[in-house]
Amino acid sequence: MVQVLNVTNGVSGSSSGASAFINQLIHIHLLYFLGHHPHSDHFIHKYFLPQDYAILVPVFAGVTLLSLLSVFIGMVILKSKKKKA
């Protein structure tokens, strides 16, 4: 018989599921509203960056994350080589 181990991050399954569902609803609503009405004069538009940043911010974040990860892996490899020598 196979026993399944249920490991969570300290949040019960029902509350984490509800939180994820609400988060997705908000995200979908904002994507729909801002995507289908990009030039309206609605008050919510003043709280968001211009559409140009929709590409720039994730690309910058990705390049930064990849650079930091590469530096970390490089430092770990160098430290492990120094211990062997």
Protein backbone atom coordinates (compact mmCIF):
# COMPACT_ATOMS: atom_id res chain seq x y z
CA MET A 1 0.00 0.00 0.00
CA VAL A 2 1.31 3.44 -0.91
CA GLN A 3 0.92 6.19 1.65
CA VAL A 4 0.69 9.76 0.37
CA LEU A 5 2.39 12.42 2.46
CA ASN A 6 0.48 15.71 2.55
CA VAL A 7 2.96 18.55 2.99
CA THR A 8 1.69 22.11 3.21
CA ASN A 9 3.28 25.45 3.84
CA GLY A 10 1.39 26.05 7.07
CA VAL A 11 -1.85 27.15 5.40
CA SER A 12 -4.81 24.81 5.33
CA GLY A 13 -5.94 23.57 1.94
CA SER A 14 -9.31 25.28 2.00
CA SER A 15 -8.03 28.73 2.91
CA SER A 16 -5.13 28.58 0.46
CA GLY A 17 -7.51 27.47 -2.29
CA ALA A 18 -9.93 30.28 -1.49
CA SER A 19 -7.09 32.79 -1.43
CA ALA A 20 -5.79 31.57 -4.79
CA PHE A 21 -9.30 31.72 -6.28
CA ILE A 22 -9.88 35.30 -5.09
CA ASN A 23 -6.43 36.30 -6.34
CA GLN A 24 -7.21 34.85 -9.77
CA LEU A 25 -10.57 36.65 -9.93
CA ILE A 26 -8.93 39.98 -9.16
CA HIS A 27 -6.16 39.33 -11.65
CA ILE A 28 -8.54 38.33 -14.45
CA HIS A 29 -10.78 41.33 -13.75
CA LEU A 30 -7.89 43.79 -13.88
CA LEU A 31 -6.46 42.21 -17.03
CA TYR A 32 -9.86 42.40 -18.72
CA PHE A 33 -10.58 45.95 -17.57
CA LEU A 34 -7.17 47.39 -18.39
CA GLY A 35 -6.72 45.35 -21.56
CA HIS A 36 -10.10 46.11 -23.12
CA HIS A 37 -10.28 49.72 -22.02
CA PRO A 38 -6.69 50.96 -22.26
CA HIS A 39 -7.51 54.58 -23.10
CA SER A 40 -10.58 55.22 -21.00
CA ASP A 41 -10.63 58.02 -18.44
CA HIS A 42 -11.60 55.75 -15.57
CA PHE A 43 -10.05 56.69 -12.20
CA ILE A 44 -8.36 53.30 -11.78
CA HIS A 45 -6.00 53.97 -14.70
CA LYS A 46 -4.05 56.56 -12.72
CA TYR A 47 -2.92 53.78 -10.33
CA PHE A 48 -1.23 51.70 -13.05
CA LEU A 49 1.88 52.24 -15.14
CA PRO A 50 1.58 52.91 -18.89
CA GLN A 51 1.28 49.89 -21.18
CA ASP A 52 4.91 50.18 -22.29
CA TYR A 53 5.97 48.89 -18.88
CA ALA A 54 3.95 45.67 -19.36
CA ILE A 55 6.93 44.33 -21.33
CA LEU A 56 9.80 46.26 -19.76
CA VAL A 57 9.20 45.36 -16.10
CA PRO A 58 8.99 41.55 -16.53
CA VAL A 59 11.98 41.51 -18.89
CA PHE A 60 14.07 43.59 -16.48
CA ALA A 61 12.99 41.40 -13.54
CA GLY A 62 13.83 38.24 -15.48
CA VAL A 63 17.26 39.45 -16.55
CA THR A 64 18.03 40.59 -13.00
CA LEU A 65 16.88 37.28 -11.50
CA LEU A 66 18.87 35.27 -14.04
CA SER A 67 21.98 37.37 -13.38
CA LEU A 68 21.72 36.97 -9.60
CA LEU A 69 21.12 33.25 -9.94
CA SER A 70 24.15 32.89 -12.22
CA VAL A 71 26.37 34.80 -9.78
CA PHE A 72 25.14 32.63 -6.89
CA ILE A 73 25.79 29.39 -8.76
CA GLY A 74 29.22 30.66 -9.83
CA MET A 75 30.16 31.52 -6.26
CA VAL A 76 29.04 28.09 -5.02
CA ILE A 77 31.09 26.36 -7.72
CA LEU A 78 34.17 28.45 -6.91
CA LYS A 79 33.86 27.75 -3.17
CA SER A 80 33.49 24.02 -3.76
CA LYS A 81 36.62 23.99 -5.96
CA LYS A 82 38.64 25.83 -3.28
CA LYS A 83 37.68 23.25 -0.65
CA LYS A 84 38.87 20.36 -2.85
CA ALA A 85 42.26 21.96 -3.56
